[in-house]
């Protein structure tokens, strides 16, 4: 996917290195004109994490691009958009671009994916002084990684790119078609045509010890203690997804509700379309982000929900 022209984000920096670990430790930046929104209005960065089952080399940071022209910084409080690449797990059987055992960029195992994303956010916090004013968005396994960031278990000071260890959690999270219980994903599809594929990519990313899958699953996290500055958690899902079933939505919604965090709003957004269509057509991913931004501003977001029914 090549760079896209956007009237809203004319300043674009692609493949910016945030770490020297591998060739995939890069991010793309999309910046609006400086005068594109009200100067006093609190603005948020959108930080996006792509999906791809932790291993697909064709699903990259560029998958945010179809959404750019549906996210107007004149209408929404957006300071900038960053989309993160991270090291991938092995994919020896990929039909056109199989991984090599010698490639550092494509032999990662948990927690390398989330550590890379933490490094990328730390780089952004240092370079752009974004602090807590960002919305962390992830699609599919990107949603898993996003919520793993706020689980707070993989933040060793030595890995913080700024060198200070002063990592700031986001004000808001948006999980889109996300995977929140790794073991349950395997169970849901163990009698389907995808059974072997799901087993393979889960083991490739997290190993064969399924007890480690449980500790890595956001549906088992203690966000009340790890994400104390959280204001909003949005879980977005389409009943037409086809690759991630509604049980993942149910598990995460139930877990967030059981925490009973009065400082944080936990909301569900219904999208339309198949799993990858959510980002491919741009509108659905953009709608989930718009919903979160309007909620953060205390503005009506019901129109966005209605447009997805």
C-alpha atoms as a PDB file:
ATOM      1  CA  UNK A   1       0.000   0.000   0.000  1.00  0.00           C
ATOM      2  CA  UNK A   2       1.550   3.300  -1.114  1.00  0.00           C
ATOM      3  CA  UNK A   3       1.302   6.671   0.569  1.00  0.00           C
ATOM      4  CA  UNK A   4      -2.111   8.282   0.112  1.00  0.00           C
ATOM      5  CA  UNK A   5      -2.794  11.960  -0.505  1.00  0.00           C
ATOM      6  CA  UNK A   6      -5.119  13.526   2.052  1.00  0.00           C
ATOM      7  CA  UNK A   7      -6.505  17.032   2.117  1.00  0.00           C
ATOM      8  CA  UNK A   8      -6.804  16.809   5.891  1.00  0.00           C
ATOM      9  CA  UNK A   9      -3.261  15.555   6.524  1.00  0.00           C
ATOM     10  CA  UNK A  10      -0.904  17.186   4.005  1.00  0.00           C
ATOM     11  CA  UNK A  11       2.155  16.673   6.214  1.00  0.00           C
ATOM     12  CA  UNK A  12       3.136  13.008   6.035  1.00  0.00           C
ATOM     13  CA  UNK A  13       6.234  11.221   7.278  1.00  0.00           C
ATOM     14  CA  UNK A  14       6.364   7.515   6.525  1.00  0.00           C
ATOM     15  CA  UNK A  15       8.656   4.730   7.740  1.00  0.00           C
ATOM     16  CA  UNK A  16      10.060   6.851  10.559  1.00  0.00           C
ATOM     17  CA  UNK A  17      12.340   4.739  12.745  1.00  0.00           C
ATOM     18  CA  UNK A  18      11.501   4.740  16.453  1.00  0.00           C
ATOM     19  CA  UNK A  19      13.962   1.950  17.317  1.00  0.00           C
ATOM     20  CA  UNK A  20      16.983   0.259  15.763  1.00  0.00           C
ATOM     21  CA  UNK A  21      15.870  -3.247  16.768  1.00  0.00           C
ATOM     22  CA  UNK A  22      14.647  -4.179  13.279  1.00  0.00           C
ATOM     23  CA  UNK A  23      13.501  -2.884   9.906  1.00  0.00           C
ATOM     24  CA  UNK A  24       9.866  -3.062  11.087  1.00  0.00           C
ATOM     25  CA  UNK A  25      10.331  -0.721  14.040  1.00  0.00           C
ATOM     26  CA  UNK A  26       8.891   2.231  12.178  1.00  0.00           C
ATOM     27  CA  UNK A  27       5.815   4.415  12.240  1.00  0.00           C
ATOM     28  CA  UNK A  28       3.919   6.678   9.862  1.00  0.00           C
ATOM     29  CA  UNK A  29       2.843  10.196  10.780  1.00  0.00           C
ATOM     30  CA  UNK A  30      -0.069  12.187   9.364  1.00  0.00           C
ATOM     31  CA  UNK A  31      -0.262  15.803  10.509  1.00  0.00           C
ATOM     32  CA  UNK A  32      -2.972  18.395   9.797  1.00  0.00           C
ATOM     33  CA  UNK A  33      -2.161  22.003   8.943  1.00  0.00           C
ATOM     34  CA  UNK A  34      -1.309  23.966  12.128  1.00  0.00           C
ATOM     35  CA  UNK A  35      -4.409  26.175  11.806  1.00  0.00           C
ATOM     36  CA  UNK A  36      -6.865  23.379  11.047  1.00  0.00           C
ATOM     37  CA  UNK A  37      -8.748  23.460  14.369  1.00  0.00           C
ATOM     38  CA  UNK A  38      -9.601  25.808  17.220  1.00  0.00           C
ATOM     39  CA  UNK A  39      -6.380  26.712  19.093  1.00  0.00           C
ATOM     40  CA  UNK A  40      -7.951  26.405  22.572  1.00  0.00           C
ATOM     41  CA  UNK A  41      -9.714  23.109  21.939  1.00  0.00           C
ATOM     42  CA  UNK A  42      -8.008  20.132  23.623  1.00  0.00           C
ATOM     43  CA  UNK A  43      -6.728  17.921  20.841  1.00  0.00           C
ATOM     44  CA  UNK A  44      -5.792  14.255  20.893  1.00  0.00           C
ATOM     45  CA  UNK A  45      -3.348  12.182  18.961  1.00  0.00           C
ATOM     46  CA  UNK A  46      -4.742   9.049  17.346  1.00  0.00           C
ATOM     47  CA  UNK A  47      -2.246   6.192  17.639  1.00  0.00           C
ATOM     48  CA  UNK A  48      -3.168   3.180  15.540  1.00  0.00           C
ATOM     49  CA  UNK A  49      -1.956  -0.434  15.770  1.00  0.00           C
ATOM     50  CA  UNK A  50      -2.620  -2.648  12.764  1.00  0.00           C
ATOM     51  CA  UNK A  51      -3.803  -6.248  12.845  1.00  0.00           C
ATOM     52  CA  UNK A  52      -2.751  -9.264  10.817  1.00  0.00           C
ATOM     53  CA  UNK A  53      -2.658 -12.126  13.351  1.00  0.00           C
ATOM     54  CA  UNK A  54       0.698 -10.895  14.692  1.00  0.00           C
ATOM     55  CA  UNK A  55       2.393 -12.192  11.526  1.00  0.00           C
ATOM     56  CA  UNK A  56       0.962 -11.035   8.181  1.00  0.00           C
ATOM     57  CA  UNK A  57       3.583  -8.936   6.328  1.00  0.00           C
ATOM     58  CA  UNK A  58       0.964  -7.424   4.006  1.00  0.00           C
ATOM     59  CA  UNK A  59      -1.078  -5.804   6.777  1.00  0.00           C
ATOM     60  CA  UNK A  60       0.983  -2.857   7.956  1.00  0.00           C
ATOM     61  CA  UNK A  61       0.793   0.621   9.428  1.00  0.00           C
ATOM     62  CA  UNK A  62      -0.458   1.868   6.053  1.00  0.00           C
ATOM     63  CA  UNK A  63      -3.836   0.217   6.697  1.00  0.00           C
ATOM     64  CA  UNK A  64      -4.910   3.361   8.541  1.00  0.00           C
ATOM     65  CA  UNK A  65      -4.804   5.338   5.301  1.00  0.00           C
ATOM     66  CA  UNK A  66      -8.336   4.596   4.021  1.00  0.00           C
ATOM     67  CA  UNK A  67      -9.687   6.258   7.179  1.00  0.00           C
ATOM     68  CA  UNK A  68      -7.774   9.523   6.860  1.00  0.00           C
ATOM     69  CA  UNK A  69     -10.277  11.367   4.674  1.00  0.00           C
ATOM     70  CA  UNK A  70     -13.095  10.531   7.102  1.00  0.00           C
ATOM     71  CA  UNK A  71     -11.292  12.061  10.095  1.00  0.00           C
ATOM     72  CA  UNK A  72     -11.455  15.795   9.588  1.00  0.00           C
ATOM     73  CA  UNK A  73      -9.312  17.806  12.051  1.00  0.00           C
ATOM     74  CA  UNK A  74     -11.603  20.755  11.340  1.00  0.00           C
ATOM     75  CA  UNK A  75     -14.501  18.807  12.849  1.00  0.00           C
ATOM     76  CA  UNK A  76     -12.700  16.572  15.331  1.00  0.00           C
ATOM     77  CA  UNK A  77     -10.099  17.333  18.029  1.00  0.00           C
ATOM     78  CA  UNK A  78      -7.192  15.599  16.263  1.00  0.00           C
ATOM     79  CA  UNK A  79      -3.643  16.851  16.776  1.00  0.00           C
ATOM     80  CA  UNK A  80      -2.103  14.172  14.579  1.00  0.00           C
ATOM     81  CA  UNK A  81      -2.280  10.514  13.604  1.00  0.00           C
ATOM     82  CA  UNK A  82       0.478   7.953  14.078  1.00  0.00           C
ATOM     83  CA  UNK A  83       0.325   4.383  12.799  1.00  0.00           C
ATOM     84  CA  UNK A  84       2.793   1.857  14.191  1.00  0.00           C
ATOM     85  CA  UNK A  85       4.644  -1.060  12.662  1.00  0.00           C
ATOM     86  CA  UNK A  86       6.095  -3.661  15.014  1.00  0.00           C
ATOM     87  CA  UNK A  87       8.072  -6.886  14.777  1.00  0.00           C
ATOM     88  CA  UNK A  88       6.037  -9.830  13.513  1.00  0.00           C
ATOM     89  CA  UNK A  89       5.895 -13.475  14.486  1.00  0.00           C
ATOM     90  CA  UNK A  90       7.007 -16.166  12.003  1.00  0.00           C
ATOM     91  CA  UNK A  91       4.884 -16.923   8.962  1.00  0.00           C
ATOM     92  CA  UNK A  92       6.813 -19.611   7.116  1.00  0.00           C
ATOM     93  CA  UNK A  93       3.826 -20.577   4.972  1.00  0.00           C
ATOM     94  CA  UNK A  94       2.838 -17.131   3.694  1.00  0.00           C
ATOM     95  CA  UNK A  95       1.948 -17.613   0.009  1.00  0.00           C
ATOM     96  CA  UNK A  96       3.942 -14.678  -1.397  1.00  0.00           C
ATOM     97  CA  UNK A  97       6.275 -13.437   1.343  1.00  0.00           C
ATOM     98  CA  UNK A  98       7.215 -16.236   3.776  1.00  0.00           C
ATOM     99  CA  UNK A  99       9.336 -15.297   6.767  1.00  0.00           C
ATOM    100  CA  UNK A 100      12.960 -16.375   7.168  1.00  0.00           C
ATOM    101  CA  UNK A 101      14.357 -17.790  10.430  1.00  0.00           C
ATOM    102  CA  UNK A 102      17.218 -15.282  10.112  1.00  0.00           C
ATOM    103  CA  UNK A 103      14.987 -12.196   9.913  1.00  0.00           C
ATOM    104  CA  UNK A 104      14.914 -10.369  13.256  1.00  0.00           C
ATOM    105  CA  UNK A 105      11.871  -8.400  12.120  1.00  0.00           C
ATOM    106  CA  UNK A 106       9.741 -11.504  11.574  1.00  0.00           C
ATOM    107  CA  UNK A 107      10.594 -13.894  14.397  1.00  0.00           C
ATOM    108  CA  UNK A 108       9.089 -12.060  17.347  1.00  0.00           C
ATOM    109  CA  UNK A 109       7.252 -13.647  20.235  1.00  0.00           C
ATOM    110  CA  UNK A 110       5.177 -12.039  22.961  1.00  0.00           C
ATOM    111  CA  UNK A 111       5.885  -9.651  24.628  1.00  0.00           C
ATOM    112  CA  UNK A 112       8.008  -8.270  21.758  1.00  0.00           C
ATOM    113  CA  UNK A 113       4.957  -6.885  19.899  1.00  0.00           C
ATOM    114  CA  UNK A 114       3.709  -4.849  22.840  1.00  0.00           C
ATOM    115  CA  UNK A 115       7.227  -3.797  23.829  1.00  0.00           C
ATOM    116  CA  UNK A 116       7.707  -2.376  20.340  1.00  0.00           C
ATOM    117  CA  UNK A 117       4.451  -0.442  20.564  1.00  0.00           C
ATOM    118  CA  UNK A 118       5.465   0.930  23.968  1.00  0.00           C
ATOM    119  CA  UNK A 119       8.762   2.066  22.440  1.00  0.00           C
ATOM    120  CA  UNK A 120       6.891   3.747  19.587  1.00  0.00           C
ATOM    121  CA  UNK A 121       4.510   5.589  21.928  1.00  0.00           C
ATOM    122  CA  UNK A 122       7.452   6.625  24.112  1.00  0.00           C
ATOM    123  CA  UNK A 123       9.171   8.030  21.025  1.00  0.00           C
ATOM    124  CA  UNK A 124       6.025   9.987  20.154  1.00  0.00           C
ATOM    125  CA  UNK A 125       5.714  11.301  23.702  1.00  0.00           C
ATOM    126  CA  UNK A 126       9.285  12.537  23.565  1.00  0.00           C
ATOM    127  CA  UNK A 127       9.182  13.984  20.041  1.00  0.00           C
ATOM    128  CA  UNK A 128       5.692  15.537  20.131  1.00  0.00           C
ATOM    129  CA  UNK A 129       5.035  15.956  23.857  1.00  0.00           C
ATOM    130  CA  UNK A 130       1.664  14.220  23.585  1.00  0.00           C
ATOM    131  CA  UNK A 131       1.513  13.185  27.245  1.00  0.00           C
ATOM    132  CA  UNK A 132      -1.759  11.387  28.078  1.00  0.00           C
ATOM    133  CA  UNK A 133      -3.710  13.169  25.360  1.00  0.00           C
ATOM    134  CA  UNK A 134      -3.986  10.302  22.927  1.00  0.00           C
ATOM    135  CA  UNK A 135      -6.456   7.649  21.862  1.00  0.00           C
ATOM    136  CA  UNK A 136      -4.883   4.227  21.396  1.00  0.00           C
ATOM    137  CA  UNK A 137      -6.685   2.330  18.623  1.00  0.00           C
ATOM    138  CA  UNK A 138      -6.137  -1.241  17.472  1.00  0.00           C
ATOM    139  CA  UNK A 139      -7.726  -3.534  14.907  1.00  0.00           C
ATOM    140  CA  UNK A 140      -7.881  -7.316  15.489  1.00  0.00           C
ATOM    141  CA  UNK A 141      -4.612  -8.381  17.164  1.00  0.00           C
ATOM    142  CA  UNK A 142      -3.763  -4.674  17.175  1.00  0.00           C
ATOM    143  CA  UNK A 143      -6.595  -4.266  19.683  1.00  0.00           C
ATOM    144  CA  UNK A 144      -5.028  -7.028  21.778  1.00  0.00           C
ATOM    145  CA  UNK A 145      -1.693  -5.199  21.737  1.00  0.00           C
ATOM    146  CA  UNK A 146      -3.361  -1.865  22.516  1.00  0.00           C
ATOM    147  CA  UNK A 147      -5.025  -3.212  25.653  1.00  0.00           C
ATOM    148  CA  UNK A 148      -1.820  -5.036  26.594  1.00  0.00           C
ATOM    149  CA  UNK A 149      -0.163  -1.607  26.693  1.00  0.00           C
ATOM    150  CA  UNK A 150      -2.541  -0.459  29.430  1.00  0.00           C
ATOM    151  CA  UNK A 151      -2.224  -3.775  31.278  1.00  0.00           C
ATOM    152  CA  UNK A 152       1.103  -2.330  32.414  1.00  0.00           C
ATOM    153  CA  UNK A 153       2.967  -5.633  32.654  1.00  0.00           C
ATOM    154  CA  UNK A 154       5.505  -5.013  29.895  1.00  0.00           C
ATOM    155  CA  UNK A 155       6.951  -1.615  30.763  1.00  0.00           C
ATOM    156  CA  UNK A 156      10.544  -2.290  31.937  1.00  0.00           C
ATOM    157  CA  UNK A 157      12.321   1.055  32.247  1.00  0.00           C
ATOM    158  CA  UNK A 158      15.229  -0.117  30.123  1.00  0.00           C
ATOM    159  CA  UNK A 159      12.936  -0.424  27.091  1.00  0.00           C
ATOM    160  CA  UNK A 160      11.397   3.029  27.282  1.00  0.00           C
ATOM    161  CA  UNK A 161      12.745   4.863  24.245  1.00  0.00           C
ATOM    162  CA  UNK A 162      12.900   8.240  26.013  1.00  0.00           C
ATOM    163  CA  UNK A 163      15.234   6.790  28.624  1.00  0.00           C
ATOM    164  CA  UNK A 164      13.243   8.371  31.456  1.00  0.00           C
ATOM    165  CA  UNK A 165      10.746   5.616  32.169  1.00  0.00           C
ATOM    166  CA  UNK A 166       8.052   8.302  32.314  1.00  0.00           C
ATOM    167  CA  UNK A 167       5.573   6.501  30.068  1.00  0.00           C
ATOM    168  CA  UNK A 168       2.067   7.958  30.066  1.00  0.00           C
ATOM    169  CA  UNK A 169      -0.987   5.810  29.482  1.00  0.00           C
ATOM    170  CA  UNK A 170      -3.714   7.030  27.075  1.00  0.00           C
ATOM    171  CA  UNK A 171      -6.912   8.764  28.070  1.00  0.00           C
ATOM    172  CA  UNK A 172      -8.921   6.503  25.783  1.00  0.00           C
ATOM    173  CA  UNK A 173      -8.823   3.095  24.099  1.00  0.00           C
ATOM    174  CA  UNK A 174     -10.631   1.850  21.005  1.00  0.00           C
ATOM    175  CA  UNK A 175     -10.584  -1.881  20.301  1.00  0.00           C
ATOM    176  CA  UNK A 176     -11.930  -2.754  16.839  1.00  0.00           C
ATOM    177  CA  UNK A 177     -12.765  -6.396  15.992  1.00  0.00           C
ATOM    178  CA  UNK A 178     -10.397  -7.228  18.828  1.00  0.00           C
ATOM    179  CA  UNK A 179      -9.117 -10.447  20.364  1.00  0.00           C
ATOM    180  CA  UNK A 180      -9.343 -10.249  24.144  1.00  0.00           C
ATOM    181  CA  UNK A 181      -9.224 -13.907  25.211  1.00  0.00           C
ATOM    182  CA  UNK A 182      -6.649 -15.911  23.268  1.00  0.00           C
ATOM    183  CA  UNK A 183      -7.665 -19.337  24.553  1.00  0.00           C
ATOM    184  CA  UNK A 184     -11.337 -18.670  23.857  1.00  0.00           C
ATOM    185  CA  UNK A 185     -10.538 -17.626  20.284  1.00  0.00           C
ATOM    186  CA  UNK A 186      -8.964 -21.045  19.724  1.00  0.00           C
ATOM    187  CA  UNK A 187     -11.933 -22.770  21.362  1.00  0.00           C
ATOM    188  CA  UNK A 188     -14.479 -20.842  19.309  1.00  0.00           C
ATOM    189  CA  UNK A 189     -12.960 -21.987  16.041  1.00  0.00           C
ATOM    190  CA  UNK A 190     -11.596 -25.431  16.928  1.00  0.00           C
ATOM    191  CA  UNK A 191     -14.232 -27.162  14.775  1.00  0.00           C
ATOM    192  CA  UNK A 192     -14.028 -24.697  11.885  1.00  0.00           C
ATOM    193  CA  UNK A 193     -11.955 -24.512   8.734  1.00  0.00           C
ATOM    194  CA  UNK A 194      -9.738 -21.999  10.551  1.00  0.00           C
ATOM    195  CA  UNK A 195      -8.790 -24.289  13.455  1.00  0.00           C
ATOM    196  CA  UNK A 196      -5.253 -25.150  12.308  1.00  0.00           C
ATOM    197  CA  UNK A 197      -4.560 -21.590  11.196  1.00  0.00           C
ATOM    198  CA  UNK A 198      -5.635 -20.102  14.528  1.00  0.00           C
ATOM    199  CA  UNK A 199      -3.618 -22.654  16.483  1.00  0.00           C
ATOM    200  CA  UNK A 200      -0.571 -21.905  14.336  1.00  0.00           C
ATOM    201  CA  UNK A 201      -0.593 -18.130  14.663  1.00  0.00           C
ATOM    202  CA  UNK A 202      -1.433 -18.191  18.370  1.00  0.00           C
ATOM    203  CA  UNK A 203       1.457 -20.562  19.069  1.00  0.00           C
ATOM    204  CA  UNK A 204       3.704 -18.521  16.793  1.00  0.00           C
ATOM    205  CA  UNK A 205       2.979 -15.352  18.748  1.00  0.00           C
ATOM    206  CA  UNK A 206       2.611 -16.706  22.302  1.00  0.00           C
ATOM    207  CA  UNK A 207       4.155 -20.189  22.383  1.00  0.00           C
ATOM    208  CA  UNK A 208       2.549 -23.542  23.086  1.00  0.00           C
ATOM    209  CA  UNK A 209       2.032 -23.021  26.828  1.00  0.00           C
ATOM    210  CA  UNK A 210      -1.611 -21.948  26.978  1.00  0.00           C
ATOM    211  CA  UNK A 211      -1.258 -20.691  30.554  1.00  0.00           C
ATOM    212  CA  UNK A 212       0.808 -17.880  29.054  1.00  0.00           C
ATOM    213  CA  UNK A 213      -2.088 -17.116  26.738  1.00  0.00           C
ATOM    214  CA  UNK A 214      -4.259 -16.451  29.784  1.00  0.00           C
ATOM    215  CA  UNK A 215      -1.856 -13.958  31.363  1.00  0.00           C
ATOM    216  CA  UNK A 216      -1.452 -12.183  28.025  1.00  0.00           C
ATOM    217  CA  UNK A 217      -5.202 -11.846  27.414  1.00  0.00           C
ATOM    218  CA  UNK A 218      -6.710  -8.385  28.085  1.00  0.00           C
ATOM    219  CA  UNK A 219      -9.932 -10.080  29.183  1.00  0.00           C
ATOM    220  CA  UNK A 220      -8.089 -11.172  32.337  1.00  0.00           C
ATOM    221  CA  UNK A 221      -6.414  -7.842  33.127  1.00  0.00           C
ATOM    222  CA  UNK A 222      -6.730  -5.608  36.184  1.00  0.00           C
ATOM    223  CA  UNK A 223      -7.246  -2.282  34.452  1.00  0.00           C
ATOM    224  CA  UNK A 224      -8.511  -0.654  37.653  1.00  0.00           C
ATOM    225  CA  UNK A 225      -4.927  -0.652  38.923  1.00  0.00           C
ATOM    226  CA  UNK A 226      -2.883  -0.573  35.718  1.00  0.00           C
ATOM    227  CA  UNK A 227      -4.837   2.119  33.834  1.00  0.00           C
ATOM    228  CA  UNK A 228      -5.811   4.640  36.487  1.00  0.00           C
ATOM    229  CA  UNK A 229      -5.957   7.662  34.163  1.00  0.00           C
ATOM    230  CA  UNK A 230      -8.333   5.971  31.725  1.00  0.00           C
ATOM    231  CA  UNK A 231     -11.410   7.990  30.783  1.00  0.00           C
ATOM    232  CA  UNK A 232     -12.946   5.881  28.028  1.00  0.00           C
ATOM    233  CA  UNK A 233     -12.839   2.343  26.651  1.00  0.00           C
ATOM    234  CA  UNK A 234     -14.670   1.668  23.383  1.00  0.00           C
ATOM    235  CA  UNK A 235     -15.176  -1.863  22.096  1.00  0.00           C
ATOM    236  CA  UNK A 236     -16.283  -1.903  18.452  1.00  0.00           C
ATOM    237  CA  UNK A 237     -17.381  -5.025  16.587  1.00  0.00           C
ATOM    238  CA  UNK A 238     -19.357  -6.090  13.532  1.00  0.00           C
ATOM    239  CA  UNK A 239     -21.713  -9.071  13.582  1.00  0.00           C
ATOM    240  CA  UNK A 240     -20.550  -9.735  10.007  1.00  0.00           C
ATOM    241  CA  UNK A 241     -16.890  -9.999  11.062  1.00  0.00           C
ATOM    242  CA  UNK A 242     -16.469 -13.687  10.198  1.00  0.00           C
ATOM    243  CA  UNK A 243     -13.018 -14.127  11.778  1.00  0.00           C
ATOM    244  CA  UNK A 244     -13.521 -12.920  15.353  1.00  0.00           C
ATOM    245  CA  UNK A 245     -16.794 -13.963  16.949  1.00  0.00           C
ATOM    246  CA  UNK A 246     -19.052 -11.988  19.270  1.00  0.00           C
ATOM    247  CA  UNK A 247     -17.874 -13.910  22.312  1.00  0.00           C
ATOM    248  CA  UNK A 248     -14.730 -11.778  22.298  1.00  0.00           C
ATOM    249  CA  UNK A 249     -16.894  -8.650  22.540  1.00  0.00           C
ATOM    250  CA  UNK A 250     -18.965 -10.233  25.327  1.00  0.00           C
ATOM    251  CA  UNK A 251     -15.880 -11.255  27.331  1.00  0.00           C
ATOM    252  CA  UNK A 252     -14.310  -7.806  27.180  1.00  0.00           C
ATOM    253  CA  UNK A 253     -17.556  -5.951  27.861  1.00  0.00           C
ATOM    254  CA  UNK A 254     -18.295  -8.146  30.875  1.00  0.00           C
ATOM    255  CA  UNK A 255     -14.772  -7.758  32.217  1.00  0.00           C
ATOM    256  CA  UNK A 256     -14.812  -3.971  31.935  1.00  0.00           C
ATOM    257  CA  UNK A 257     -18.275  -3.734  33.530  1.00  0.00           C
ATOM    258  CA  UNK A 258     -17.233  -5.917  36.452  1.00  0.00           C
ATOM    259  CA  UNK A 259     -14.430  -3.497  37.295  1.00  0.00           C
ATOM    260  CA  UNK A 260     -17.065  -0.838  38.095  1.00  0.00           C
ATOM    261  CA  UNK A 261     -14.700   2.035  37.405  1.00  0.00           C
ATOM    262  CA  UNK A 262     -16.713   5.215  37.983  1.00  0.00           C
ATOM    263  CA  UNK A 263     -14.021   7.393  36.382  1.00  0.00           C
ATOM    264  CA  UNK A 264     -14.087   5.515  33.083  1.00  0.00           C
ATOM    265  CA  UNK A 265     -16.877   5.070  30.548  1.00  0.00           C
ATOM    266  CA  UNK A 266     -17.002   1.672  28.867  1.00  0.00           C
ATOM    267  CA  UNK A 267     -19.041   1.688  25.660  1.00  0.00           C
ATOM    268  CA  UNK A 268     -19.911  -0.616  22.766  1.00  0.00           C
ATOM    269  CA  UNK A 269     -20.102   0.462  19.115  1.00  0.00           C
ATOM    270  CA  UNK A 270     -21.744  -1.731  16.487  1.00  0.00           C
ATOM    271  CA  UNK A 271     -19.967  -1.638  13.123  1.00  0.00           C
ATOM    272  CA  UNK A 272     -20.862  -3.211   9.776  1.00  0.00           C
ATOM    273  CA  UNK A 273     -18.753  -5.249   7.402  1.00  0.00           C
ATOM    274  CA  UNK A 274     -16.374  -8.176   7.409  1.00  0.00           C
ATOM    275  CA  UNK A 275     -13.201  -8.330   9.483  1.00  0.00           C
ATOM    276  CA  UNK A 276     -10.795  -6.522   7.139  1.00  0.00           C
ATOM    277  CA  UNK A 277     -13.489  -4.449   5.448  1.00  0.00           C
ATOM    278  CA  UNK A 278     -13.608  -2.452   8.675  1.00  0.00           C
ATOM    279  CA  UNK A 279     -10.298  -0.780   7.788  1.00  0.00           C
ATOM    280  CA  UNK A 280     -10.360  -1.341   4.019  1.00  0.00           C
ATOM    281  CA  UNK A 281     -13.304   0.959   3.326  1.00  0.00           C
ATOM    282  CA  UNK A 282     -12.129   3.526   5.866  1.00  0.00           C
ATOM    283  CA  UNK A 283     -15.543   4.604   7.115  1.00  0.00           C
ATOM    284  CA  UNK A 284     -16.057   1.983   9.816  1.00  0.00           C
ATOM    285  CA  UNK A 285     -12.687   2.380  11.497  1.00  0.00           C
ATOM    286  CA  UNK A 286     -13.115   6.152  11.263  1.00  0.00           C
ATOM    287  CA  UNK A 287     -16.580   5.893  12.859  1.00  0.00           C
ATOM    288  CA  UNK A 288     -15.179   4.053  15.874  1.00  0.00           C
ATOM    289  CA  UNK A 289     -12.504   6.739  16.293  1.00  0.00           C
ATOM    290  CA  UNK A 290     -15.036   9.562  15.836  1.00  0.00           C
ATOM    291  CA  UNK A 291     -17.259   8.005  18.470  1.00  0.00           C
ATOM    292  CA  UNK A 292     -14.419   8.019  20.995  1.00  0.00           C
ATOM    293  CA  UNK A 293     -13.403  11.600  20.257  1.00  0.00           C
ATOM    294  CA  UNK A 294     -16.962  12.905  20.595  1.00  0.00           C
ATOM    295  CA  UNK A 295     -17.383  11.028  23.873  1.00  0.00           C
ATOM    296  CA  UNK A 296     -14.167  12.559  25.203  1.00  0.00           C
ATOM    297  CA  UNK A 297     -15.539  15.999  24.358  1.00  0.00           C
ATOM    298  CA  UNK A 298     -18.923  15.241  25.896  1.00  0.00           C
ATOM    299  CA  UNK A 299     -20.665  15.694  22.550  1.00  0.00           C
ATOM    300  CA  UNK A 300     -23.491  13.550  21.125  1.00  0.00           C
ATOM    301  CA  UNK A 301     -22.202  10.397  19.470  1.00  0.00           C
ATOM    302  CA  UNK A 302     -25.552   8.640  18.912  1.00  0.00           C
ATOM    303  CA  UNK A 303     -25.605   9.590  15.221  1.00  0.00           C
ATOM    304  CA  UNK A 304     -22.465   7.552  14.639  1.00  0.00           C
ATOM    305  CA  UNK A 305     -23.963   4.533  16.409  1.00  0.00           C
ATOM    306  CA  UNK A 306     -27.162   4.836  14.380  1.00  0.00           C
ATOM    307  CA  UNK A 307     -25.218   4.960  11.116  1.00  0.00           C
ATOM    308  CA  UNK A 308     -23.732   1.570  11.926  1.00  0.00           C
ATOM    309  CA  UNK A 309     -26.992  -0.302  12.583  1.00  0.00           C
END
